[in-house]
Amino acid sequence: MVEETEKLAASEEAENSSMANNVGGEESEVEEGEIVGGDSDDAAKAMAPPPPRHPLENSWTFWFDNPSAKSKQAAWGSSIRPIYTFSSVEDFWGYVTMWICILWVVDLCQLSFCSLLAMIGEQFDYGDEICGAVVSVRGKQEKIALWTKNAANEAAQLSIGRQWKEFLDYNDTIGFIFHDDAKRLDRAAKNRYTV
C-alpha cells in the first residue's frame, strides 16, 4: 500500500514538473535520458549541507623563506612569509595537491611529505614538543629538520628521532643539534643526540 502511494505521488510529481516546464501550454514528449527541470537538482544540491569537516588537533601554517632576499644584517624571520594556514584534513589536501613535489627531487619530496603527514596527523608520542619543520633545498645539500620546543628534554628528542626514522623508513643515523649551537657555531655545530 505504501509503495503504491509512493509510486502514485512520484508519477503525479513528474506530470506536474513536465507541465510546469512546458512553455506556451504545448505538450512535449520527454525522451529517454533527457533532463527535465534540472533546476530542482541544482537547488537541492545548493540547499544540501556541506560535507562534514575533519578538524586537526592543531592549526598549521606553511611558510616561505627566500634566502636570496635576506641581507646579512636582517633579523631572523624578516624574510619569512606565511603561505597558507589550515586546520582540517580537507583544507590540507585542497592546498597540498596544488604544489607538493613539483620541483623537488623524489626522495626529498617523499621524506618531507611523510614528515608532514606524521606531524599534522599527531603521530609522534611527544608531538606537543614539535613546533615546525624545515625543508632546505640548496646546491649541494638537501635537508629536512624538525624543530622542537625544548632541546634539553632528551627523552622527548630521542623519541621523536626514533619515531621519525620509523615513519620515514630511514636507516641512516640522524642527529639533533641545539639551536643555540647552530646559531653560534653555524656549520661546525655538533649533534647532541643521535638515533
N, C-alpha and C. Protein backbone atom coordinates (compact mmCIF):
# COMPACT_ATOMS: atom_id res chain seq x y z
N MET A 1 0.82 -1.18 0.00
CA MET A 1 0.00 0.00 0.00
C MET A 1 0.87 1.25 0.00
N VAL A 2 1.89 1.29 0.89
CA VAL A 2 2.78 2.44 0.96
C VAL A 2 3.54 2.60 -0.35
N GLU A 3 3.98 1.48 -0.90
CA GLU A 3 4.74 1.51 -2.15
C GLU A 3 3.89 2.07 -3.29
N GLU A 4 2.61 1.65 -3.36
CA GLU A 4 1.72 2.15 -4.41
C GLU A 4 1.49 3.65 -4.26
N THR A 5 1.32 4.11 -3.02
CA THR A 5 1.11 5.54 -2.77
C THR A 5 2.33 6.33 -3.20
N GLU A 6 3.52 5.81 -2.90
CA GLU A 6 4.76 6.49 -3.29
C GLU A 6 4.88 6.56 -4.81
N LYS A 7 4.53 5.46 -5.50
CA LYS A 7 4.60 5.45 -6.96
C LYS A 7 3.63 6.46 -7.55
N LEU A 8 2.41 6.54 -7.00
CA LEU A 8 1.40 7.47 -7.48
C LEU A 8 1.87 8.90 -7.28
N ALA A 9 2.41 9.19 -6.10
CA ALA A 9 2.90 10.54 -5.81
C ALA A 9 4.05 10.91 -6.75
N ALA A 10 4.94 9.98 -7.01
CA ALA A 10 6.07 10.23 -7.91
C ALA A 10 5.58 10.48 -9.32
N SER A 11 4.57 9.73 -9.74
CA SER A 11 4.01 9.90 -11.08
C SER A 11 3.36 11.27 -11.22
N GLU A 12 2.59 11.68 -10.21
CA GLU A 12 1.94 13.00 -10.24
C GLU A 12 2.98 14.11 -10.24
N GLU A 13 4.04 13.95 -9.45
CA GLU A 13 5.09 14.96 -9.38
C GLU A 13 5.78 15.10 -10.73
N ALA A 14 6.03 13.99 -11.40
CA ALA A 14 6.67 14.02 -12.72
C ALA A 14 5.76 14.72 -13.72
N GLU A 15 4.45 14.45 -13.64
CA GLU A 15 3.50 15.09 -14.54
C GLU A 15 3.47 16.60 -14.31
N ASN A 16 3.39 17.00 -13.04
CA ASN A 16 3.36 18.42 -12.70
C ASN A 16 4.64 19.11 -13.15
N SER A 17 5.75 18.45 -12.96
CA SER A 17 7.03 19.01 -13.36
C SER A 17 7.08 19.19 -14.87
N SER A 18 6.57 18.20 -15.59
CA SER A 18 6.56 18.26 -17.05
C SER A 18 5.67 19.40 -17.53
N MET A 19 4.54 19.58 -16.88
CA MET A 19 3.63 20.66 -17.26
C MET A 19 4.22 22.02 -16.93
N ALA A 20 4.90 22.13 -15.80
CA ALA A 20 5.49 23.40 -15.39
C ALA A 20 6.60 23.81 -16.34
N ASN A 21 7.29 22.85 -16.90
CA ASN A 21 8.39 23.16 -17.82
C ASN A 21 7.92 23.33 -19.26
N ASN A 22 6.66 23.10 -19.51
CA ASN A 22 6.11 23.21 -20.85
C ASN A 22 5.81 24.67 -21.14
N VAL A 23 6.51 25.28 -22.06
CA VAL A 23 6.35 26.69 -22.38
C VAL A 23 5.20 26.85 -23.36
N GLY A 24 4.31 27.83 -23.11
CA GLY A 24 3.22 28.13 -24.03
C GLY A 24 2.10 27.12 -24.03
N GLY A 25 2.04 26.24 -23.07
CA GLY A 25 0.94 25.30 -22.94
C GLY A 25 1.00 24.14 -23.91
N GLU A 26 2.01 24.07 -24.74
CA GLU A 26 2.12 22.96 -25.68
C GLU A 26 2.65 21.73 -24.97
N GLU A 27 2.13 20.59 -25.34
CA GLU A 27 2.64 19.35 -24.75
C GLU A 27 3.92 18.95 -25.47
N SER A 28 4.86 18.45 -24.73
CA SER A 28 6.07 17.94 -25.36
C SER A 28 6.40 16.61 -24.73
N GLU A 29 6.93 15.75 -25.52
CA GLU A 29 7.30 14.44 -25.01
C GLU A 29 8.73 14.49 -24.50
N VAL A 30 8.95 13.82 -23.40
CA VAL A 30 10.28 13.73 -22.82
C VAL A 30 10.92 12.46 -23.34
N GLU A 31 12.07 12.63 -23.95
CA GLU A 31 12.78 11.47 -24.48
C GLU A 31 13.58 10.81 -23.37
N GLU A 32 13.86 9.54 -23.56
CA GLU A 32 14.64 8.80 -22.57
C GLU A 32 16.01 9.44 -22.42
N GLY A 33 16.43 9.65 -21.19
CA GLY A 33 17.74 10.24 -20.93
C GLY A 33 17.73 11.75 -20.93
N GLU A 34 16.60 12.38 -21.31
CA GLU A 34 16.52 13.84 -21.35
C GLU A 34 16.36 14.37 -19.92
N ILE A 35 17.03 15.44 -19.66
CA ILE A 35 16.94 16.06 -18.33
C ILE A 35 15.86 17.12 -18.39
N VAL A 36 14.89 16.97 -17.50
CA VAL A 36 13.78 17.93 -17.44
C VAL A 36 13.82 18.60 -16.09
N GLY A 37 13.74 19.92 -16.09
CA GLY A 37 13.69 20.64 -14.81
C GLY A 37 14.95 20.45 -14.00
N GLY A 38 16.10 20.58 -14.63
CA GLY A 38 17.38 20.39 -13.95
C GLY A 38 17.58 21.35 -12.79
N ASP A 39 16.82 22.43 -12.77
CA ASP A 39 16.97 23.42 -11.71
C ASP A 39 16.68 22.83 -10.34
N SER A 40 15.75 21.87 -10.26
CA SER A 40 15.41 21.31 -8.95
C SER A 40 16.59 20.55 -8.37
N ASP A 41 17.35 19.85 -9.21
CA ASP A 41 18.55 19.16 -8.72
C ASP A 41 19.58 20.16 -8.23
N ASP A 42 19.78 21.23 -9.02
CA ASP A 42 20.74 22.25 -8.63
C ASP A 42 20.34 22.90 -7.32
N ALA A 43 19.05 23.18 -7.16
CA ALA A 43 18.57 23.80 -5.93
C ALA A 43 18.76 22.86 -4.75
N ALA A 44 18.49 21.57 -4.97
CA ALA A 44 18.66 20.60 -3.89
C ALA A 44 20.12 20.50 -3.48
N LYS A 45 21.03 20.54 -4.46
CA LYS A 45 22.46 20.49 -4.15
C LYS A 45 22.88 21.73 -3.38
N ALA A 46 22.35 22.89 -3.79
CA ALA A 46 22.72 24.14 -3.12
C ALA A 46 22.20 24.17 -1.70
N MET A 47 21.06 23.53 -1.45
CA MET A 47 20.46 23.52 -0.12
C MET A 47 21.04 22.43 0.76
N ALA A 48 21.70 21.45 0.17
CA ALA A 48 22.26 20.34 0.95
C ALA A 48 23.37 20.86 1.85
N PRO A 49 23.45 20.33 3.06
CA PRO A 49 24.53 20.80 3.95
C PRO A 49 25.88 20.37 3.40
N PRO A 50 26.92 21.16 3.67
CA PRO A 50 28.25 20.78 3.18
C PRO A 50 28.70 19.49 3.87
N PRO A 51 29.58 18.74 3.23
CA PRO A 51 30.07 17.51 3.85
C PRO A 51 30.79 17.85 5.15
N PRO A 52 30.80 16.91 6.10
CA PRO A 52 31.45 17.20 7.39
C PRO A 52 32.95 17.42 7.22
N ARG A 53 33.50 18.31 8.03
CA ARG A 53 34.94 18.59 8.01
C ARG A 53 35.60 17.70 9.06
N HIS A 54 36.89 17.46 8.86
CA HIS A 54 37.66 16.64 9.78
C HIS A 54 38.75 17.53 10.39
N PRO A 55 38.46 18.13 11.54
CA PRO A 55 39.42 19.07 12.12
C PRO A 55 40.69 18.38 12.60
N LEU A 56 41.79 19.09 12.48
CA LEU A 56 43.06 18.61 13.01
C LEU A 56 43.16 19.05 14.47
N GLU A 57 44.03 18.42 15.22
CA GLU A 57 44.20 18.79 16.62
C GLU A 57 44.76 20.20 16.74
N ASN A 58 45.60 20.60 15.79
CA ASN A 58 46.20 21.94 15.78
C ASN A 58 46.08 22.54 14.39
N SER A 59 46.11 23.85 14.32
CA SER A 59 46.21 24.53 13.03
C SER A 59 47.68 24.55 12.62
N TRP A 60 47.94 24.51 11.32
CA TRP A 60 49.30 24.51 10.79
C TRP A 60 49.43 25.58 9.72
N THR A 61 50.63 26.13 9.58
CA THR A 61 50.88 27.16 8.57
C THR A 61 52.11 26.78 7.75
N PHE A 62 51.99 26.89 6.43
CA PHE A 62 53.14 26.76 5.54
C PHE A 62 53.76 28.15 5.43
N TRP A 63 55.09 28.21 5.53
CA TRP A 63 55.82 29.47 5.44
C TRP A 63 56.84 29.36 4.31
N PHE A 64 57.23 30.48 3.77
CA PHE A 64 58.28 30.51 2.74
C PHE A 64 59.35 31.48 3.19
N ASP A 65 60.59 31.04 3.13
CA ASP A 65 61.74 31.88 3.46
C ASP A 65 62.60 31.97 2.21
N ASN A 66 62.74 33.15 1.69
CA ASN A 66 63.53 33.36 0.48
C ASN A 66 64.93 33.81 0.89
N PRO A 67 65.90 32.89 0.90
CA PRO A 67 67.24 33.25 1.35
C PRO A 67 67.90 34.31 0.48
N SER A 68 67.55 34.40 -0.77
CA SER A 68 68.19 35.40 -1.63
C SER A 68 67.67 36.81 -1.33
N ALA A 69 66.57 36.92 -0.61
CA ALA A 69 66.02 38.23 -0.27
C ALA A 69 66.61 38.78 1.02
N LYS A 70 67.41 37.98 1.71
CA LYS A 70 67.97 38.39 3.01
C LYS A 70 69.26 39.16 2.83
N SER A 71 69.45 40.10 3.72
CA SER A 71 70.77 40.72 3.82
C SER A 71 71.41 40.17 5.09
N LYS A 72 72.70 40.28 5.20
CA LYS A 72 73.41 39.73 6.36
C LYS A 72 72.93 40.39 7.66
N GLN A 73 72.52 41.66 7.59
CA GLN A 73 72.11 42.38 8.79
C GLN A 73 70.63 42.16 9.14
N ALA A 74 69.87 41.57 8.27
CA ALA A 74 68.43 41.41 8.52
C ALA A 74 68.20 40.48 9.70
N ALA A 75 67.22 40.82 10.49
CA ALA A 75 66.87 39.99 11.63
C ALA A 75 66.28 38.67 11.14
N TRP A 76 66.52 37.61 11.92
CA TRP A 76 65.98 36.32 11.55
C TRP A 76 64.47 36.44 11.46
N GLY A 77 63.91 35.87 10.43
CA GLY A 77 62.46 35.87 10.26
C GLY A 77 61.92 37.04 9.47
N SER A 78 62.78 38.00 9.14
CA SER A 78 62.29 39.18 8.43
C SER A 78 61.87 38.87 6.99
N SER A 79 62.38 37.79 6.43
CA SER A 79 62.02 37.46 5.05
C SER A 79 61.02 36.29 4.97
N ILE A 80 60.58 35.81 6.12
CA ILE A 80 59.64 34.68 6.14
C ILE A 80 58.23 35.19 5.91
N ARG A 81 57.52 34.52 5.02
CA ARG A 81 56.16 34.92 4.68
C ARG A 81 55.21 33.72 4.83
N PRO A 82 54.06 33.93 5.48
CA PRO A 82 53.08 32.84 5.56
C PRO A 82 52.47 32.60 4.18
N ILE A 83 52.27 31.34 3.85
CA ILE A 83 51.68 30.98 2.56
C ILE A 83 50.24 30.52 2.75
N TYR A 84 50.04 29.60 3.70
CA TYR A 84 48.71 29.01 3.84
C TYR A 84 48.58 28.42 5.23
N THR A 85 47.44 28.66 5.88
CA THR A 85 47.14 28.07 7.18
C THR A 85 45.93 27.17 7.03
N PHE A 86 45.98 26.01 7.67
CA PHE A 86 44.86 25.07 7.57
C PHE A 86 44.62 24.43 8.92
N SER A 87 43.38 24.00 9.14
CA SER A 87 43.03 23.38 10.41
C SER A 87 42.13 22.15 10.22
N SER A 88 41.98 21.70 8.97
CA SER A 88 41.20 20.48 8.72
C SER A 88 41.90 19.65 7.65
N VAL A 89 41.55 18.38 7.62
CA VAL A 89 42.11 17.48 6.62
C VAL A 89 41.76 17.97 5.21
N GLU A 90 40.52 18.42 5.03
CA GLU A 90 40.08 18.88 3.71
C GLU A 90 40.86 20.11 3.25
N ASP A 91 41.12 21.05 4.17
CA ASP A 91 41.90 22.24 3.81
C ASP A 91 43.32 21.86 3.43
N PHE A 92 43.91 20.91 4.17
CA PHE A 92 45.26 20.46 3.87
C PHE A 92 45.33 19.86 2.47
N TRP A 93 44.48 18.88 2.18
CA TRP A 93 44.54 18.21 0.88
C TRP A 93 44.14 19.15 -0.25
N GLY A 94 43.28 20.10 0.02
CA GLY A 94 42.89 21.05 -1.01
C GLY A 94 44.05 21.92 -1.45
N TYR A 95 44.97 22.20 -0.54
CA TYR A 95 46.11 23.04 -0.87
C TYR A 95 47.31 22.22 -1.32
N VAL A 96 47.62 21.16 -0.60
CA VAL A 96 48.82 20.38 -0.87
C VAL A 96 48.83 19.81 -2.27
N THR A 97 47.70 19.36 -2.76
CA THR A 97 47.68 18.76 -4.09
C THR A 97 48.09 19.75 -5.18
N MET A 98 48.04 21.05 -4.87
CA MET A 98 48.42 22.05 -5.88
C MET A 98 49.93 22.18 -6.04
N TRP A 99 50.71 21.89 -4.99
CA TRP A 99 52.13 22.21 -5.10
C TRP A 99 53.09 21.10 -4.71
N ILE A 100 52.67 20.11 -3.98
CA ILE A 100 53.63 19.15 -3.43
C ILE A 100 54.39 18.45 -4.55
N CYS A 101 55.67 18.35 -4.40
CA CYS A 101 56.56 17.58 -5.26
C CYS A 101 56.73 18.14 -6.67
N ILE A 102 56.39 19.37 -6.89
CA ILE A 102 56.51 19.89 -8.25
C ILE A 102 57.98 20.01 -8.66
N LEU A 103 58.81 20.55 -7.79
CA LEU A 103 60.19 20.81 -8.19
C LEU A 103 61.23 19.98 -7.45
N TRP A 104 60.87 19.38 -6.35
CA TRP A 104 61.87 18.69 -5.55
C TRP A 104 62.21 17.32 -6.12
N VAL A 105 63.38 16.85 -5.73
CA VAL A 105 63.76 15.50 -6.12
C VAL A 105 62.86 14.51 -5.40
N VAL A 106 62.67 13.35 -5.99
CA VAL A 106 61.69 12.40 -5.48
C VAL A 106 61.96 12.00 -4.04
N ASP A 107 63.19 11.64 -3.70
CA ASP A 107 63.47 11.17 -2.34
C ASP A 107 63.16 12.25 -1.31
N LEU A 108 63.61 13.46 -1.55
CA LEU A 108 63.37 14.54 -0.61
C LEU A 108 61.88 14.83 -0.51
N CYS A 109 61.20 14.79 -1.62
CA CYS A 109 59.76 15.04 -1.64
C CYS A 109 59.03 14.01 -0.79
N GLN A 110 59.36 12.76 -0.99
CA GLN A 110 58.70 11.70 -0.24
C GLN A 110 58.98 11.82 1.25
N LEU A 111 60.23 12.09 1.61
CA LEU A 111 60.58 12.22 3.02
C LEU A 111 59.89 13.42 3.67
N SER A 112 59.87 14.54 2.96
CA SER A 112 59.24 15.73 3.54
C SER A 112 57.73 15.54 3.64
N PHE A 113 57.13 14.90 2.66
CA PHE A 113 55.69 14.68 2.68
C PHE A 113 55.31 13.73 3.81
N CYS A 114 56.06 12.65 3.99
CA CYS A 114 55.79 11.72 5.09
C CYS A 114 55.97 12.40 6.44
N SER A 115 56.97 13.27 6.54
CA SER A 115 57.18 14.03 7.78
C SER A 115 55.98 14.93 8.07
N LEU A 116 55.53 15.60 7.04
CA LEU A 116 54.38 16.50 7.17
C LEU A 116 53.13 15.73 7.62
N LEU A 117 52.87 14.60 7.00
CA LEU A 117 51.69 13.81 7.38
C LEU A 117 51.80 13.31 8.81
N ALA A 118 52.99 12.90 9.23
CA ALA A 118 53.17 12.43 10.61
C ALA A 118 52.94 13.56 11.61
N MET A 119 53.38 14.76 11.26
CA MET A 119 53.19 15.90 12.18
C MET A 119 51.73 16.30 12.28
N ILE A 120 51.08 16.57 11.15
CA ILE A 120 49.70 17.05 11.23
C ILE A 120 48.74 15.95 11.68
N GLY A 121 49.13 14.70 11.49
CA GLY A 121 48.33 13.58 11.95
C GLY A 121 48.57 13.24 13.41
N GLU A 122 49.42 14.04 14.09
CA GLU A 122 49.71 13.87 15.52
C GLU A 122 50.17 12.45 15.82
N GLN A 123 51.14 11.94 15.03
CA GLN A 123 51.61 10.58 15.17
C GLN A 123 52.76 10.42 16.16
N PHE A 124 53.38 11.51 16.56
CA PHE A 124 54.51 11.44 17.48
C PHE A 124 54.03 11.38 18.93
N ASP A 125 54.68 10.52 19.73
CA ASP A 125 54.33 10.45 21.16
C ASP A 125 54.54 11.79 21.84
N TYR A 126 55.58 12.50 21.46
CA TYR A 126 55.87 13.83 22.02
C TYR A 126 55.53 14.90 20.98
N GLY A 127 54.40 14.77 20.33
CA GLY A 127 54.00 15.70 19.28
C GLY A 127 53.88 17.13 19.74
N ASP A 128 53.53 17.33 21.02
CA ASP A 128 53.43 18.70 21.54
C ASP A 128 54.78 19.40 21.59
N GLU A 129 55.85 18.62 21.53
CA GLU A 129 57.20 19.20 21.53
C GLU A 129 57.60 19.73 20.14
N ILE A 130 56.94 19.25 19.10
CA ILE A 130 57.29 19.66 17.73
C ILE A 130 56.58 20.96 17.40
N CYS A 131 57.35 21.95 16.97
CA CYS A 131 56.74 23.24 16.62
C CYS A 131 56.91 23.59 15.15
N GLY A 132 57.53 22.73 14.36
CA GLY A 132 57.64 23.00 12.94
C GLY A 132 58.63 22.10 12.26
N ALA A 133 58.75 22.30 10.95
CA ALA A 133 59.70 21.55 10.14
C ALA A 133 60.22 22.46 9.05
N VAL A 134 61.42 22.18 8.60
CA VAL A 134 62.04 22.98 7.55
C VAL A 134 62.57 22.03 6.48
N VAL A 135 62.31 22.39 5.23
CA VAL A 135 62.90 21.67 4.10
C VAL A 135 63.80 22.67 3.40
N SER A 136 65.09 22.38 3.34
CA SER A 136 66.06 23.26 2.67
C SER A 136 66.59 22.56 1.43
N VAL A 137 66.46 23.22 0.31
CA VAL A 137 67.00 22.68 -0.95
C VAL A 137 68.08 23.65 -1.39
N ARG A 138 69.32 23.18 -1.33
CA ARG A 138 70.45 24.02 -1.72
C ARG A 138 71.28 23.27 -2.74
N GLY A 139 72.22 23.96 -3.33
CA GLY A 139 73.04 23.38 -4.39
C GLY A 139 73.60 22.01 -4.08
N LYS A 140 74.32 21.88 -2.97
CA LYS A 140 74.99 20.61 -2.67
C LYS A 140 74.35 19.86 -1.51
N GLN A 141 73.33 20.45 -0.90
CA GLN A 141 72.77 19.81 0.28
C GLN A 141 71.26 20.01 0.33
N GLU A 142 70.56 18.93 0.58
CA GLU A 142 69.13 18.99 0.81
C GLU A 142 68.91 18.49 2.23
N LYS A 143 68.06 19.19 2.97
CA LYS A 143 67.93 18.85 4.38
C LYS A 143 66.49 19.02 4.83
N ILE A 144 66.06 18.10 5.69
CA ILE A 144 64.77 18.23 6.37
C ILE A 144 65.09 18.28 7.86
N ALA A 145 64.48 19.20 8.56
CA ALA A 145 64.70 19.31 10.00
C ALA A 145 63.36 19.50 10.70
N LEU A 146 63.21 18.83 11.84
CA LEU A 146 62.06 19.09 12.71
C LEU A 146 62.52 20.06 13.78
N TRP A 147 61.71 21.03 14.09
CA TRP A 147 62.02 21.98 15.16
C TRP A 147 61.20 21.60 16.38
N THR A 148 61.87 21.58 17.52
CA THR A 148 61.19 21.23 18.76
C THR A 148 61.31 22.36 19.77
N LYS A 149 60.46 22.31 20.79
CA LYS A 149 60.37 23.40 21.77
C LYS A 149 61.47 23.38 22.82
N ASN A 150 61.83 22.18 23.30
CA ASN A 150 62.72 22.08 24.45
C ASN A 150 63.86 21.11 24.16
N ALA A 151 64.98 21.64 23.72
CA ALA A 151 66.12 20.80 23.35
C ALA A 151 66.65 19.99 24.53
N ALA A 152 66.49 20.51 25.73
CA ALA A 152 67.04 19.84 26.91
C ALA A 152 66.25 18.59 27.29
N ASN A 153 65.06 18.41 26.77
CA ASN A 153 64.26 17.23 27.07
C ASN A 153 64.76 16.07 26.21
N GLU A 154 65.81 15.43 26.68
CA GLU A 154 66.48 14.38 25.90
C GLU A 154 65.54 13.22 25.57
N ALA A 155 64.72 12.80 26.52
CA ALA A 155 63.80 11.68 26.27
C ALA A 155 62.85 12.01 25.11
N ALA A 156 62.34 13.22 25.09
CA ALA A 156 61.43 13.64 24.01
C ALA A 156 62.16 13.68 22.68
N GLN A 157 63.37 14.25 22.67
CA GLN A 157 64.11 14.37 21.41
C GLN A 157 64.46 13.00 20.84
N LEU A 158 64.89 12.09 21.69
CA LEU A 158 65.24 10.75 21.22
C LEU A 158 64.00 10.00 20.72
N SER A 159 62.89 10.14 21.43
CA SER A 159 61.64 9.50 21.00
C SER A 159 61.20 10.04 19.64
N ILE A 160 61.23 11.36 19.49
CA ILE A 160 60.85 11.98 18.21
C ILE A 160 61.77 11.48 17.10
N GLY A 161 63.07 11.45 17.36
CA GLY A 161 64.03 10.99 16.35
C GLY A 161 63.78 9.55 15.93
N ARG A 162 63.56 8.67 16.92
CA ARG A 162 63.32 7.26 16.60
C ARG A 162 62.02 7.08 15.81
N GLN A 163 60.97 7.76 16.25
CA GLN A 163 59.70 7.63 15.54
C GLN A 163 59.79 8.22 14.14
N TRP A 164 60.49 9.33 14.00
CA TRP A 164 60.63 9.96 12.69
C TRP A 164 61.32 9.01 11.72
N LYS A 165 62.41 8.38 12.18
CA LYS A 165 63.10 7.41 11.32
C LYS A 165 62.17 6.26 10.94
N GLU A 166 61.37 5.81 11.90
CA GLU A 166 60.43 4.71 11.63
C GLU A 166 59.39 5.13 10.60
N PHE A 167 58.81 6.32 10.76
CA PHE A 167 57.79 6.80 9.81
C PHE A 167 58.37 6.92 8.40
N LEU A 168 59.64 7.33 8.32
CA LEU A 168 60.27 7.55 7.02
C LEU A 168 60.92 6.29 6.46
N ASP A 169 60.98 5.24 7.28
CA ASP A 169 61.69 4.02 6.90
C ASP A 169 63.12 4.40 6.51
N TYR A 170 63.75 5.16 7.39
CA TYR A 170 65.09 5.72 7.15
C TYR A 170 66.08 4.99 8.04
N ASN A 171 67.15 4.46 7.48
CA ASN A 171 68.08 3.63 8.24
C ASN A 171 69.37 4.32 8.65
N ASP A 172 69.71 5.44 8.03
CA ASP A 172 70.94 6.14 8.39
C ASP A 172 70.77 6.86 9.72
N THR A 173 71.89 7.26 10.29
CA THR A 173 71.87 8.00 11.55
C THR A 173 71.38 9.42 11.31
N ILE A 174 70.53 9.88 12.23
CA ILE A 174 70.14 11.29 12.19
C ILE A 174 70.56 11.93 13.51
N GLY A 175 70.83 13.22 13.47
CA GLY A 175 71.33 13.90 14.65
C GLY A 175 70.46 15.07 15.05
N PHE A 176 70.60 15.44 16.33
CA PHE A 176 69.88 16.58 16.89
C PHE A 176 70.89 17.63 17.30
N ILE A 177 70.73 18.83 16.75
CA ILE A 177 71.62 19.95 17.06
C ILE A 177 70.82 20.99 17.82
N PHE A 178 71.37 21.48 18.93
CA PHE A 178 70.72 22.55 19.68
C PHE A 178 70.72 23.82 18.84
N HIS A 179 69.64 24.58 18.92
CA HIS A 179 69.51 25.81 18.14
C HIS A 179 70.61 26.80 18.49
N ASP A 180 70.92 26.95 19.77
CA ASP A 180 71.98 27.89 20.18
C ASP A 180 73.32 27.50 19.58
N ASP A 181 73.61 26.19 19.53
CA ASP A 181 74.86 25.72 18.91
C ASP A 181 74.87 26.06 17.42
N ALA A 182 73.76 25.84 16.76
CA ALA A 182 73.68 26.11 15.32
C ALA A 182 73.86 27.59 15.04
N LYS A 183 73.27 28.44 15.87
CA LYS A 183 73.42 29.89 15.68
C LYS A 183 74.86 30.33 15.93
N ARG A 184 75.46 29.80 16.99
CA ARG A 184 76.79 30.22 17.40
C ARG A 184 77.88 29.62 16.51
N LEU A 185 77.76 28.34 16.20
CA LEU A 185 78.83 27.63 15.51
C LEU A 185 78.56 27.39 14.02
N ASP A 186 77.36 27.72 13.57
CA ASP A 186 76.95 27.54 12.18
C ASP A 186 77.20 26.10 11.75
N ARG A 187 78.00 25.87 10.73
CA ARG A 187 78.20 24.52 10.20
C ARG A 187 79.08 23.64 11.10
N ALA A 188 79.75 24.23 12.06
CA ALA A 188 80.61 23.46 12.96
C ALA A 188 79.83 22.87 14.14
N ALA A 189 78.54 23.16 14.23
CA ALA A 189 77.74 22.64 15.34
C ALA A 189 77.69 21.11 15.28
N LYS A 190 77.81 20.50 16.44
CA LYS A 190 77.83 19.04 16.54
C LYS A 190 76.49 18.52 17.06
N ASN A 191 76.17 17.29 16.68
CA ASN A 191 74.95 16.64 17.17
C ASN A 191 75.06 16.42 18.68
N ARG A 192 74.00 16.77 19.41
CA ARG A 192 73.95 16.48 20.84
C ARG A 192 73.35 15.09 21.08
N TYR A 193 72.41 14.72 20.23
CA TYR A 193 71.78 13.39 20.31
C TYR A 193 71.81 12.78 18.92
N THR A 194 71.93 11.46 18.87
CA THR A 194 71.84 10.76 17.58
C THR A 194 70.97 9.51 17.75
N VAL A 195 70.29 9.16 16.70
CA VAL A 195 69.50 7.91 16.70
C VAL A 195 69.71 7.21 15.37
